Amino acid sequence: MIQFTVYGEPVAQGRPKFSTAGGFVKAYDPAKSRDYKDYVRLAAAEHAPKSLLEGPVGMMLTVYRSIPKSFSKKKAAAAEAGEIRPTTKPDVDNYLKGVKDALKGVIWKDDSQVVEVFTQKKYSGRPRIEVKIKELS
């Protein structure tokens, strides 16, 4: 099993931006998403296997978002204990998309190999994303 943590405020995959050059439409990642993917790649590189995973892969992703400053001390303590969960945007699958894209070419050949996923959002005083990857073959 491969596991690592990406510290800092999690960034969800943003909607692609489009531009036209020479009559052709080009899609590209927003800068914030692109920078965060680079950061995830850097964190994952230390735990990368000797050769890229090629078979089916299972993945567990736990996204810890910062506790909003507007929360009272009592509400913040409940959020830290896991009694209150983030139900606001961005959606949990947008975090997943960004991390899966970032791990292509670092952990696995293609993110289509991910056949099993468990993802959750929680609050924490230490924002981060915890990633666990398991070969299923």
Protein backbone atom coordinates (compact mmCIF):
# COMPACT_ATOMS: atom_id res chain seq x y z
CA MET A 1 0.00 0.00 0.00
CA ILE A 2 1.18 3.49 -0.88
CA GLN A 3 0.19 6.29 1.51
CA PHE A 4 1.13 9.92 1.76
CA THR A 5 -0.22 13.25 2.97
CA VAL A 6 -0.43 16.53 1.07
CA TYR A 7 -0.33 19.32 3.66
CA GLY A 8 -1.98 22.69 3.17
CA GLU A 9 -5.47 23.81 2.19
CA PRO A 10 -6.91 21.29 -0.33
CA VAL A 11 -7.70 22.65 -3.80
CA ALA A 12 -10.48 21.12 -5.89
CA GLN A 13 -10.10 20.62 -9.63
CA GLY A 14 -11.37 23.82 -11.26
CA ARG A 15 -13.41 24.06 -14.43
CA PRO A 16 -11.20 24.15 -17.53
CA LYS A 17 -10.62 27.53 -19.15
CA PHE A 18 -10.82 27.95 -22.93
CA SER A 19 -8.99 30.21 -25.35
CA THR A 20 -8.90 30.54 -29.12
CA ALA A 21 -5.61 30.74 -30.99
CA GLY A 22 -5.42 30.65 -34.77
CA GLY A 23 -9.03 29.50 -35.05
CA PHE A 24 -8.47 26.54 -32.72
CA VAL A 25 -9.99 26.19 -29.27
CA LYS A 26 -7.55 25.23 -26.52
CA ALA A 27 -8.62 24.03 -23.06
CA TYR A 28 -6.31 24.47 -20.07
CA ASP A 29 -6.33 24.07 -16.29
CA PRO A 30 -6.88 27.16 -14.13
CA ALA A 31 -3.57 28.26 -12.56
CA LYS A 32 -4.66 27.38 -9.01
CA SER A 33 -5.56 23.78 -10.00
CA ARG A 34 -2.37 23.39 -12.06
CA ASP A 35 -0.17 24.61 -9.19
CA TYR A 36 -1.89 22.32 -6.68
CA LYS A 37 -1.46 19.29 -8.99
CA ASP A 38 2.27 20.07 -9.17
CA TYR A 39 2.36 20.17 -5.36
CA VAL A 40 0.53 16.80 -5.13
CA ARG A 41 2.98 15.29 -7.66
CA LEU A 42 5.88 16.51 -5.53
CA ALA A 43 4.41 14.96 -2.35
CA ALA A 44 3.61 11.69 -4.16
CA ALA A 45 7.02 11.41 -5.84
CA GLU A 46 8.67 10.50 -2.52
CA HIS A 47 6.36 7.47 -2.24
CA ALA A 48 6.28 6.47 -5.91
CA PRO A 49 6.84 2.79 -6.76
CA LYS A 50 9.96 1.79 -8.74
CA SER A 51 7.77 1.22 -11.80
CA LEU A 52 4.35 2.70 -12.46
CA LEU A 53 1.37 0.63 -11.32
CA GLU A 54 -0.29 -1.01 -14.33
CA GLY A 55 -3.22 -3.07 -13.02
CA PRO A 56 -6.45 -2.11 -11.26
CA VAL A 57 -6.02 0.25 -8.31
CA GLY A 58 -8.11 1.14 -5.26
CA MET A 59 -7.87 4.56 -3.67
CA MET A 60 -8.93 6.17 -0.40
CA LEU A 61 -8.90 9.95 -0.13
CA THR A 62 -9.64 11.92 3.03
CA VAL A 63 -9.90 15.67 2.53
CA TYR A 64 -9.43 17.76 5.68
CA ARG A 65 -10.63 21.33 5.14
CA SER A 66 -9.90 24.16 7.58
CA ILE A 67 -12.49 24.94 10.19
CA PRO A 68 -14.30 28.18 9.21
CA LYS A 69 -13.38 31.19 11.36
CA SER A 70 -17.11 31.91 11.74
CA PHE A 71 -17.57 28.74 13.85
CA SER A 72 -17.97 29.23 17.60
CA LYS A 73 -15.47 27.45 19.86
CA LYS A 74 -18.09 24.79 20.63
CA LYS A 75 -18.95 24.28 16.94
CA ALA A 76 -15.22 24.23 16.01
CA ALA A 77 -14.57 21.54 18.65
CA ALA A 78 -17.47 19.48 17.24
CA ALA A 79 -16.06 19.91 13.71
CA GLU A 80 -12.58 18.79 14.85
CA ALA A 81 -14.15 15.74 16.52
CA GLY A 82 -15.89 14.80 13.26
CA GLU A 83 -19.40 15.52 14.53
CA ILE A 84 -19.87 18.28 11.93
CA ARG A 85 -18.82 17.60 8.32
CA PRO A 86 -18.35 20.07 5.44
CA THR A 87 -21.44 20.05 3.23
CA THR A 88 -20.46 23.15 1.27
CA LYS A 89 -18.86 23.34 -2.15
CA PRO A 90 -16.54 22.22 -3.64
CA ASP A 91 -17.85 18.69 -4.11
CA VAL A 92 -15.74 15.82 -2.84
CA ASP A 93 -15.37 14.37 -6.37
CA ASN A 94 -13.66 17.56 -7.58
CA TYR A 95 -10.88 17.00 -5.03
CA LEU A 96 -10.64 13.40 -6.24
CA LYS A 97 -10.35 14.43 -9.92
CA GLY A 98 -7.45 16.78 -9.20
CA VAL A 99 -5.50 14.20 -7.18
CA LYS A 100 -6.12 11.41 -9.72
CA ASP A 101 -4.91 13.65 -12.56
CA ALA A 102 -1.81 14.63 -10.56
CA LEU A 103 -0.82 11.01 -9.88
CA LYS A 104 -0.81 10.02 -13.57
CA GLY A 105 2.78 9.24 -14.52
CA VAL A 106 3.91 9.31 -10.87
CA ILE A 107 2.05 6.39 -9.25
CA TRP A 108 0.12 4.84 -12.17
CA LYS A 109 0.12 4.95 -15.95
CA ASP A 110 -3.43 6.32 -16.27
CA ASP A 111 -6.12 7.34 -13.81
CA SER A 112 -8.59 5.03 -15.61
CA GLN A 113 -6.88 2.22 -13.62
CA VAL A 114 -8.64 3.47 -10.48
CA VAL A 115 -11.58 1.06 -10.18
CA GLU A 116 -12.40 1.46 -6.49
CA VAL A 117 -12.65 4.75 -4.57
CA PHE A 118 -13.63 5.92 -1.09
CA THR A 119 -13.56 9.70 -0.58
CA GLN A 120 -14.64 11.82 2.37
CA LYS A 121 -14.49 15.44 3.55
CA LYS A 122 -13.82 16.41 7.15
CA TYR A 123 -12.81 19.50 9.11
CA SER A 124 -9.44 19.87 10.83
CA GLY A 125 -7.21 22.51 12.36
CA ARG A 126 -4.49 21.10 10.05
CA PRO A 127 -5.88 21.16 6.48
CA ARG A 128 -4.51 18.39 4.27
CA ILE A 129 -5.37 15.51 1.97
CA GLU A 130 -4.49 11.94 3.01
CA VAL A 131 -4.09 9.49 0.13
CA LYS A 132 -3.98 5.68 0.30
CA ILE A 133 -3.46 3.60 -2.83
CA LYS A 134 -3.68 -0.17 -3.06
CA GLU A 135 -2.98 -2.48 -5.98
CA LEU A 136 -5.97 -4.78 -6.48
CA SER A 137 -4.46 -7.42 -8.79
